Amino acid sequence: VRSRLRDIVGASTNWRDHVQAMQERKALHTLLAKRQEDLPPRRMKDSYLEVILPLGSQPEIREKYLNVHNSVRFGRILEDLDSLGVLICYTHTKQEMQPRSPLSIVTALVDKINLCKKIIYPDCDIKFTGNVSWVGKTSMEVKMHMLQLHDGDYSPVLDATFVMVARDPENKRPAFVNPLVPETPEEEEIIKQGKLNKLKRIDFSTASLLKMAPTAEERNVIHDIFLNTLDTRQEGEVSFRSRKLPPNSVWMEDAKLKGLQICHPQERNIFNRIFGGFLMRKAFELGWATACSYGGSRPFIVSVDDIMFQRPVEVGSLLLLSGQVCYTEKNYIQVRVHSEVYDADTREHQTTNIFHFTFMSENEVPQVVPKTYGGKYPIKSMLYLDGKRHFAATMKEI
């Protein structure tokens, strides 16, 4: 998949030649469509791809995918899904007679990934399938499925929905993509669902706690937590700052981990930026470690949702990752990982991604509790409510 992507874009495998290869792409500007109507419509089956990851039949590649629990590293699967999603979009937009694509197709959003298996086996072949499921003017929704071979049959492991955007050869401006036409009533429904997914994302963003106050119900939740953490042992001296931790609980402040990555050229994508799949893998691994240290037992990934790629990460960047348990319920742990780059020259921090992971622990976990109503802690209340929203959306989905 990755070598095919390099061929389509004309990217060099050699770091020193990469800049020259990107310069040569500028000439492809003339191949861009001026209007979407100028591009031939495509069908879903035109972009359909099947790819085998031969873990069973080629044991020599297992080491890269193996974790210490003798199952497949989910972070590697995130990398593979990201690459496959891009290739599916290039297949949808392929121009006949043109070996090189003028489009720069990049991941804009991981809408959701839902898993139906706790364990992915390291010695059985995996099959990925996928196709473009909805198209805007410059964006494409891709649906992908992962299955694993057991007793001669492929059984479902996960479903994923990514949103990709097309840009010009220099990855600076949006570019038009081929429209999508349905051939059956089922495909009409899939396209209709793609439109609904876009509207849901807009609604979720509009109602974000960064833009709107919590609902009355959410305000009551936070106030109840506040009342439950008041220290009433000294009668008559109860204050906003006099707080105690309820039984079987952990302050949010004590439920976080941090990590740092130096972004080396080895992790670059075909456009000379850091590969989005690598960012997802590193964020997932920190999220998993955060859930593991919090719950005290091995966590299993249940869902990934709403990963927005806000800005590209340049080679050479310092990538700072912060994992925070922001909501818990029974044996579920909702983890938020914040990713930012640090520019050593300007000393500025810029957010690149926010990741949301839902884990299931083997045992029931303590309740995570935000400190509220004082000093710097209201932000923890907002993170708690945001985590609660993401968890509710995940549970509704699965």
Protein backbone atom coordinates (compact mmCIF):
# COMPACT_ATOMS: atom_id res chain seq x y z
CA VAL A 1 0.00 0.00 0.00
CA ARG A 2 2.69 2.48 0.97
CA SER A 3 4.85 1.79 -2.09
CA ARG A 4 1.80 2.29 -4.32
CA LEU A 5 1.18 5.64 -2.60
CA ARG A 6 4.76 6.72 -3.29
CA ASP A 7 4.32 5.81 -6.98
CA ILE A 8 1.05 7.75 -7.26
CA VAL A 9 2.54 10.89 -5.71
CA GLY A 10 6.05 10.52 -7.10
CA ALA A 11 7.62 10.70 -3.67
CA SER A 12 11.19 9.59 -3.16
CA THR A 13 12.14 6.88 -0.68
CA ASN A 14 15.37 8.77 -0.05
CA TRP A 15 15.22 11.69 2.40
CA ARG A 16 17.81 13.76 0.50
CA ASP A 17 15.92 13.43 -2.80
CA HIS A 18 12.55 14.18 -1.26
CA VAL A 19 12.66 17.97 -1.59
CA GLN A 20 13.45 17.65 -5.31
CA ALA A 21 10.56 15.21 -5.78
CA MET A 22 8.18 17.67 -4.10
CA GLN A 23 9.45 20.48 -6.33
CA GLU A 24 8.66 18.39 -9.41
CA ARG A 25 5.06 17.99 -8.21
CA LYS A 26 4.41 21.72 -8.75
CA ALA A 27 4.12 21.10 -12.49
CA LEU A 28 1.05 18.93 -11.85
CA HIS A 29 -1.03 22.05 -11.09
CA THR A 30 -2.19 22.07 -14.74
CA LEU A 31 -3.98 18.73 -14.21
CA LEU A 32 -6.30 20.06 -11.48
CA ALA A 33 -9.99 20.45 -12.34
CA LYS A 34 -11.38 24.00 -12.34
CA ARG A 35 -14.83 22.70 -11.32
CA GLN A 36 -16.08 19.46 -9.79
CA GLU A 37 -18.49 19.10 -12.74
CA ASP A 38 -15.48 18.65 -15.04
CA LEU A 39 -14.52 15.41 -13.30
CA PRO A 40 -16.10 12.06 -14.26
CA PRO A 41 -18.43 10.58 -11.58
CA ARG A 42 -17.25 7.41 -9.86
CA ARG A 43 -19.04 4.44 -8.32
CA MET A 44 -18.36 2.92 -4.90
CA LYS A 45 -16.92 -0.20 -6.49
CA ASP A 46 -14.40 1.93 -8.41
CA SER A 47 -12.58 2.73 -5.16
CA TYR A 48 -13.12 -0.64 -3.44
CA LEU A 49 -9.88 -2.24 -2.25
CA GLU A 50 -9.00 -5.43 -0.40
CA VAL A 51 -5.60 -5.75 1.27
CA ILE A 52 -4.21 -8.76 3.13
CA LEU A 53 -1.89 -8.41 6.11
CA PRO A 54 -0.34 -11.92 6.07
CA LEU A 55 0.44 -12.42 9.76
CA GLY A 56 -0.42 -16.11 9.51
CA SER A 57 1.22 -16.98 6.22
CA GLN A 58 4.33 -14.76 6.61
CA PRO A 59 5.58 -15.15 10.21
CA GLU A 60 8.59 -12.87 9.56
CA ILE A 61 6.38 -9.75 9.65
CA ARG A 62 4.71 -10.64 12.99
CA GLU A 63 7.41 -9.08 15.16
CA LYS A 64 6.47 -5.56 14.04
CA TYR A 65 2.84 -6.16 15.04
CA LEU A 66 3.33 -8.14 18.26
CA ASN A 67 2.78 -6.81 21.79
CA VAL A 68 3.85 -8.33 25.10
CA HIS A 69 0.38 -9.86 25.63
CA ASN A 70 0.83 -11.95 22.45
CA SER A 71 -1.78 -10.02 20.50
CA VAL A 72 -1.56 -7.42 17.72
CA ARG A 73 -0.51 -3.86 18.54
CA PHE A 74 -3.55 -1.70 17.82
CA GLY A 75 -1.31 1.30 17.14
CA ARG A 76 0.09 -0.52 14.09
CA ILE A 77 -3.46 -1.12 12.86
CA LEU A 78 -4.14 2.63 13.13
CA GLU A 79 -1.12 3.27 10.90
CA ASP A 80 -2.35 0.73 8.33
CA LEU A 81 -5.90 2.14 8.30
CA ASP A 82 -4.54 5.63 7.70
CA SER A 83 -2.43 4.51 4.73
CA LEU A 84 -5.24 2.42 3.26
CA GLY A 85 -7.76 5.27 3.57
CA VAL A 86 -5.48 7.56 1.55
CA LEU A 87 -4.93 4.89 -1.15
CA ILE A 88 -8.70 4.32 -1.44
CA CYS A 89 -9.18 8.05 -2.08
CA TYR A 90 -6.43 8.08 -4.71
CA THR A 91 -8.16 5.12 -6.37
CA HIS A 92 -11.44 7.09 -6.42
CA THR A 93 -9.77 10.15 -7.99
CA LYS A 94 -7.44 8.32 -10.40
CA GLN A 95 -7.10 10.01 -13.78
CA GLU A 96 -6.83 7.69 -16.74
CA MET A 97 -3.53 8.02 -18.65
CA GLN A 98 -1.98 9.92 -15.71
CA PRO A 99 0.39 7.80 -13.59
CA ARG A 100 0.98 10.69 -11.15
CA SER A 101 -1.87 12.27 -9.23
CA PRO A 102 -1.96 16.08 -8.95
CA LEU A 103 -3.85 15.76 -5.66
CA SER A 104 -2.38 15.79 -2.18
CA ILE A 105 -4.80 13.65 -0.17
CA VAL A 106 -4.45 13.89 3.61
CA THR A 107 -6.39 12.67 6.64
CA ALA A 108 -8.64 15.37 8.07
CA LEU A 109 -10.57 13.39 10.67
CA VAL A 110 -10.95 9.94 12.16
CA ASP A 111 -14.70 10.02 12.69
CA LYS A 112 -14.91 6.71 14.52
CA ILE A 113 -13.39 3.27 14.88
CA ASN A 114 -15.49 0.70 16.72
CA LEU A 115 -14.13 -2.72 17.68
CA CYS A 116 -16.18 -5.88 18.11
CA LYS A 117 -13.24 -8.12 19.22
CA LYS A 118 -11.12 -7.66 22.35
CA ILE A 119 -8.13 -9.57 20.99
CA ILE A 120 -6.49 -9.41 17.54
CA TYR A 121 -4.44 -12.58 17.06
CA PRO A 122 -0.81 -12.23 15.90
CA ASP A 123 -0.67 -15.48 13.89
CA CYS A 124 -3.81 -15.21 11.69
CA ASP A 125 -4.10 -13.31 8.42
CA ILE A 126 -5.97 -9.99 8.50
CA LYS A 127 -8.03 -8.60 5.64
CA PHE A 128 -8.78 -4.89 5.22
CA THR A 129 -11.56 -3.78 2.87
CA GLY A 130 -12.82 -0.29 2.12
CA ASN A 131 -14.24 2.21 -0.32
CA VAL A 132 -15.28 5.85 -0.60
CA SER A 133 -18.76 6.15 0.97
CA TRP A 134 -19.55 9.86 0.56
CA VAL A 135 -18.06 12.78 -1.35
CA GLY A 136 -18.26 16.55 -0.86
CA LYS A 137 -16.60 19.03 -3.19
CA THR A 138 -13.08 18.57 -1.82
CA SER A 139 -13.54 15.90 0.87
CA MET A 140 -14.25 12.18 0.93
CA GLU A 141 -15.58 9.86 3.62
CA VAL A 142 -13.99 6.40 3.60
CA LYS A 143 -15.47 3.33 5.27
CA MET A 144 -13.06 0.51 6.09
CA HIS A 145 -13.52 -2.89 7.68
CA MET A 146 -11.00 -5.23 9.23
CA LEU A 147 -11.52 -8.97 9.42
CA GLN A 148 -9.37 -11.82 10.72
CA LEU A 149 -9.08 -15.37 9.44
CA HIS A 150 -10.33 -18.10 11.82
CA ASP A 151 -11.06 -21.70 10.80
CA GLY A 152 -11.12 -20.76 7.13
CA ASP A 153 -13.49 -17.80 7.49
CA TYR A 154 -12.89 -14.06 7.94
CA SER A 155 -14.76 -12.68 10.96
CA PRO A 156 -15.24 -8.92 11.65
CA VAL A 157 -12.85 -7.15 14.04
CA LEU A 158 -13.53 -3.44 13.52
CA ASP A 159 -15.28 -0.81 11.39
CA ALA A 160 -13.66 2.56 10.71
CA THR A 161 -14.84 5.84 9.19
CA PHE A 162 -12.22 8.38 8.09
CA VAL A 163 -12.62 11.75 6.35
CA MET A 164 -9.93 12.72 3.84
CA VAL A 165 -9.40 16.05 2.08
CA ALA A 166 -7.89 16.72 -1.34
CA ARG A 167 -5.50 19.60 -1.84
CA ASP A 168 -3.32 20.91 -4.67
CA PRO A 169 0.09 19.36 -5.51
CA GLU A 170 1.85 21.56 -2.95
CA ASN A 171 -0.72 20.77 -0.25
CA LYS A 172 -1.68 24.44 0.09
CA ARG A 173 -5.24 24.85 -1.25
CA PRO A 174 -8.35 22.66 -1.54
CA ALA A 175 -8.84 20.73 -4.79
CA PHE A 176 -11.97 19.24 -6.33
CA VAL A 177 -12.60 15.49 -6.29
CA ASN A 178 -14.75 13.22 -8.47
CA PRO A 179 -18.43 13.07 -7.48
CA LEU A 180 -19.86 9.77 -6.23
CA VAL A 181 -22.93 8.18 -7.83
CA PRO A 182 -24.96 5.35 -6.23
CA GLU A 183 -25.90 2.25 -8.22
CA THR A 184 -28.30 0.57 -5.77
CA PRO A 185 -30.79 1.63 -3.05
CA GLU A 186 -28.26 0.35 -0.48
CA GLU A 187 -25.61 2.69 -1.84
CA GLU A 188 -28.09 5.58 -1.77
CA GLU A 189 -28.57 4.87 1.94
CA ILE A 190 -24.79 4.80 2.54
CA ILE A 191 -24.37 8.18 0.83
CA LYS A 192 -27.32 9.56 2.79
CA GLN A 193 -25.66 8.33 6.00
CA GLY A 194 -22.43 10.08 4.94
CA LYS A 195 -24.34 13.38 4.70
CA LEU A 196 -25.89 12.76 8.13
CA ASN A 197 -22.43 12.00 9.57
CA LYS A 198 -21.22 15.39 8.33
CA LEU A 199 -24.23 17.16 9.90
CA LYS A 200 -23.68 15.28 13.18
CA ARG A 201 -20.06 16.42 13.24
CA ILE A 202 -21.16 20.02 12.70
CA ASP A 203 -23.75 19.75 15.50
CA PHE A 204 -21.23 18.16 17.88
CA SER A 205 -18.72 20.90 17.11
CA THR A 206 -21.32 23.65 17.52
CA ALA A 207 -22.32 22.31 20.94
CA SER A 208 -18.68 22.01 22.04
CA LEU A 209 -17.90 23.16 25.56
CA LEU A 210 -15.33 25.46 23.97
CA LYS A 211 -18.24 27.38 22.42
CA MET A 212 -21.32 26.82 24.59
CA ALA A 213 -21.99 26.52 28.31
CA PRO A 214 -22.80 23.08 29.73
CA THR A 215 -26.45 22.03 29.72
CA ALA A 216 -28.54 22.32 32.90
CA GLU A 217 -28.18 18.56 33.43
CA GLU A 218 -24.39 18.77 33.07
CA ARG A 219 -24.20 21.69 35.48
CA ASN A 220 -26.10 19.57 38.02
CA VAL A 221 -23.63 16.71 37.52
CA ILE A 222 -20.68 18.99 38.30
CA HIS A 223 -22.47 20.56 41.28
CA ASP A 224 -23.28 17.11 42.70
CA ILE A 225 -19.60 16.14 42.39
CA PHE A 226 -18.69 19.37 44.16
CA LEU A 227 -21.10 18.68 47.03
CA ASN A 228 -19.86 15.09 47.35
CA THR A 229 -16.26 16.26 47.71
CA LEU A 230 -16.84 18.96 50.33
CA ASP A 231 -15.00 18.28 53.57
CA THR A 232 -17.69 18.62 56.24
CA ARG A 233 -15.68 17.19 59.13
CA GLN A 234 -15.17 20.59 60.74
CA GLU A 235 -18.66 21.92 61.31
CA GLY A 236 -19.11 25.57 60.49
CA GLU A 237 -15.84 25.78 58.58
CA VAL A 238 -16.86 24.29 55.23
CA SER A 239 -15.31 26.27 52.37
CA PHE A 240 -14.95 26.03 48.61
CA ARG A 241 -11.33 24.98 49.01
CA SER A 242 -11.91 22.43 51.77
CA ARG A 243 -12.20 19.22 49.74
CA LYS A 244 -11.96 15.50 50.35
CA LEU A 245 -11.76 12.61 47.93
CA PRO A 246 -14.77 10.24 48.06
CA PRO A 247 -14.10 6.51 48.61
CA ASN A 248 -12.79 4.52 45.62
CA SER A 249 -12.03 7.69 43.66
CA VAL A 250 -9.04 9.44 42.09
CA TRP A 251 -8.57 13.16 41.47
CA MET A 252 -8.30 13.91 37.74
CA GLU A 253 -5.10 15.79 38.53
CA ASP A 254 -3.55 12.44 39.55
CA ALA A 255 -4.79 10.49 36.50
CA LYS A 256 -2.53 11.65 33.71
CA LEU A 257 0.68 10.76 31.89
CA LYS A 258 2.91 12.75 29.55
CA GLY A 259 5.20 11.80 26.68
CA LEU A 260 7.59 13.38 24.21
CA GLN A 261 8.53 12.38 20.66
CA ILE A 262 11.27 13.83 18.48
CA CYS A 263 9.89 13.68 14.94
CA HIS A 264 12.64 12.12 12.83
CA PRO A 265 12.67 11.90 8.99
CA GLN A 266 11.96 8.16 9.24
CA GLU A 267 8.38 8.97 10.32
CA ARG A 268 7.59 11.26 7.36
CA ASN A 269 4.72 10.67 4.97
CA ILE A 270 4.76 11.01 1.17
CA PHE A 271 4.35 14.80 1.53
CA ASN A 272 7.38 15.25 3.78
CA ARG A 273 5.33 15.82 6.92
CA ILE A 274 5.01 13.46 9.89
CA PHE A 275 2.76 10.50 9.02
CA GLY A 276 -0.70 10.83 10.62
CA GLY A 277 -0.76 7.12 11.42
CA PHE A 278 2.45 7.51 13.44
CA LEU A 279 0.83 10.32 15.46
CA MET A 280 -2.21 8.10 16.08
CA ARG A 281 -0.03 5.16 17.14
CA LYS A 282 1.95 7.26 19.61
CA ALA A 283 -1.21 8.87 21.01
CA PHE A 284 -2.91 5.48 21.35
CA GLU A 285 0.08 3.97 23.14
CA LEU A 286 0.16 6.84 25.65
CA GLY A 287 -3.65 6.57 26.04
CA TRP A 288 -3.33 2.83 26.67
CA ALA A 289 -0.56 3.39 29.24
CA THR A 290 -2.71 6.05 30.96
CA ALA A 291 -5.68 3.65 31.17
CA CYS A 292 -3.41 0.79 32.29
CA SER A 293 -1.79 2.76 35.12
CA TYR A 294 -5.20 4.10 36.20
CA GLY A 295 -7.15 0.84 36.18
CA GLY A 296 -4.33 -1.35 37.47
CA SER A 297 -5.01 -4.05 34.86
CA ARG A 298 -4.78 -4.57 31.12
CA PRO A 299 -7.20 -2.29 29.22
CA PHE A 300 -8.78 -3.21 25.88
CA ILE A 301 -9.61 -0.60 23.25
CA VAL A 302 -13.34 -0.34 22.52
CA SER A 303 -13.59 2.76 20.38
CA VAL A 304 -11.63 5.65 18.87
CA ASP A 305 -13.53 8.75 17.85
CA ASP A 306 -13.36 12.37 16.77
CA ILE A 307 -9.65 12.70 15.99
CA MET A 308 -9.30 16.03 14.21
CA PHE A 309 -6.02 16.75 12.42
CA GLN A 310 -5.81 20.49 13.09
CA ARG A 311 -2.37 21.16 11.59
CA PRO A 312 0.46 19.14 10.07
CA VAL A 313 3.50 18.17 12.11
CA GLU A 314 6.82 19.05 10.51
CA VAL A 315 9.86 16.77 10.50
CA GLY A 316 12.15 17.84 13.35
CA SER A 317 9.31 18.96 15.63
CA LEU A 318 9.17 18.20 19.33
CA LEU A 319 5.82 16.48 19.84
CA LEU A 320 4.36 16.75 23.35
CA LEU A 321 1.61 14.28 24.29
CA SER A 322 -0.60 14.53 27.39
CA GLY A 323 -2.88 11.64 28.37
CA GLN A 324 -5.73 12.32 30.81
CA VAL A 325 -8.40 10.00 32.22
CA CYS A 326 -11.41 12.28 31.93
CA TYR A 327 -14.37 9.99 32.64
CA THR A 328 -14.99 6.53 34.10
CA GLU A 329 -18.03 4.30 34.43
CA LYS A 330 -17.93 0.76 35.88
CA ASN A 331 -14.98 -0.84 34.03
CA TYR A 332 -14.82 1.73 31.22
CA ILE A 333 -12.12 4.40 31.05
CA GLN A 334 -12.40 7.41 28.73
CA VAL A 335 -8.97 8.85 27.90
CA ARG A 336 -8.21 12.12 26.14
CA VAL A 337 -4.77 12.62 24.61
CA HIS A 338 -3.73 16.15 23.70
CA SER A 339 -0.97 16.51 21.12
CA GLU A 340 1.00 19.70 20.54
CA VAL A 341 4.21 20.72 18.82
CA TYR A 342 6.84 22.89 20.43
CA ASP A 343 8.85 25.26 18.27
CA ALA A 344 12.25 25.73 19.93
CA ASP A 345 12.93 28.92 17.93
CA THR A 346 9.73 30.78 18.85
CA ARG A 347 9.08 28.85 22.09
CA GLU A 348 5.44 28.50 21.04
CA HIS A 349 3.15 25.53 21.59
CA GLN A 350 0.51 24.69 18.96
CA THR A 351 -2.17 22.01 19.26
CA THR A 352 -2.08 19.47 16.42
CA ASN A 353 -4.61 16.85 17.54
CA ILE A 354 -7.03 15.84 20.26
CA PHE A 355 -7.55 12.06 20.53
CA HIS A 356 -10.46 10.32 22.28
CA PHE A 357 -10.13 6.66 23.29
CA THR A 358 -12.61 4.43 25.12
CA PHE A 359 -11.01 1.51 26.98
CA MET A 360 -12.53 -1.38 28.88
CA SER A 361 -10.57 -2.63 31.87
CA GLU A 362 -10.64 -6.21 33.14
CA ASN A 363 -11.84 -4.96 36.53
CA GLU A 364 -14.13 -2.19 37.73
CA VAL A 365 -12.12 1.01 38.07
CA PRO A 366 -12.18 3.89 40.59
CA GLN A 367 -14.29 6.91 39.75
CA VAL A 368 -12.29 9.83 38.37
CA VAL A 369 -13.26 13.10 40.08
CA PRO A 370 -12.55 16.67 38.91
CA LYS A 371 -11.72 19.35 41.44
CA THR A 372 -14.15 22.16 40.70
CA TYR A 373 -15.16 25.63 41.75
CA GLY A 374 -11.74 26.96 42.54
CA GLY A 375 -8.41 28.17 41.15
CA LYS A 376 -7.33 26.42 37.96
CA TYR A 377 -9.67 23.46 38.35
CA PRO A 378 -12.83 24.43 36.38
CA ILE A 379 -10.97 23.23 33.28
CA LYS A 380 -11.00 19.71 34.78
CA SER A 381 -14.80 19.92 35.07
CA MET A 382 -15.06 20.77 31.39
CA LEU A 383 -12.72 17.88 30.48
CA TYR A 384 -14.88 15.59 32.62
CA LEU A 385 -18.08 16.66 30.84
CA ASP A 386 -16.40 16.39 27.44
CA GLY A 387 -15.26 12.87 28.30
CA LYS A 388 -18.77 12.02 29.49
CA ARG A 389 -20.19 13.22 26.15
CA HIS A 390 -17.72 11.17 24.11
CA PHE A 391 -18.37 8.09 26.23
CA ALA A 392 -22.14 8.45 25.84
CA ALA A 393 -21.77 8.85 22.06
CA THR A 394 -19.58 5.73 21.90
CA MET A 395 -21.99 3.63 23.95
CA LYS A 396 -24.89 4.74 21.77
CA GLU A 397 -22.88 3.80 18.66
CA ILE A 398 -21.83 0.32 19.79
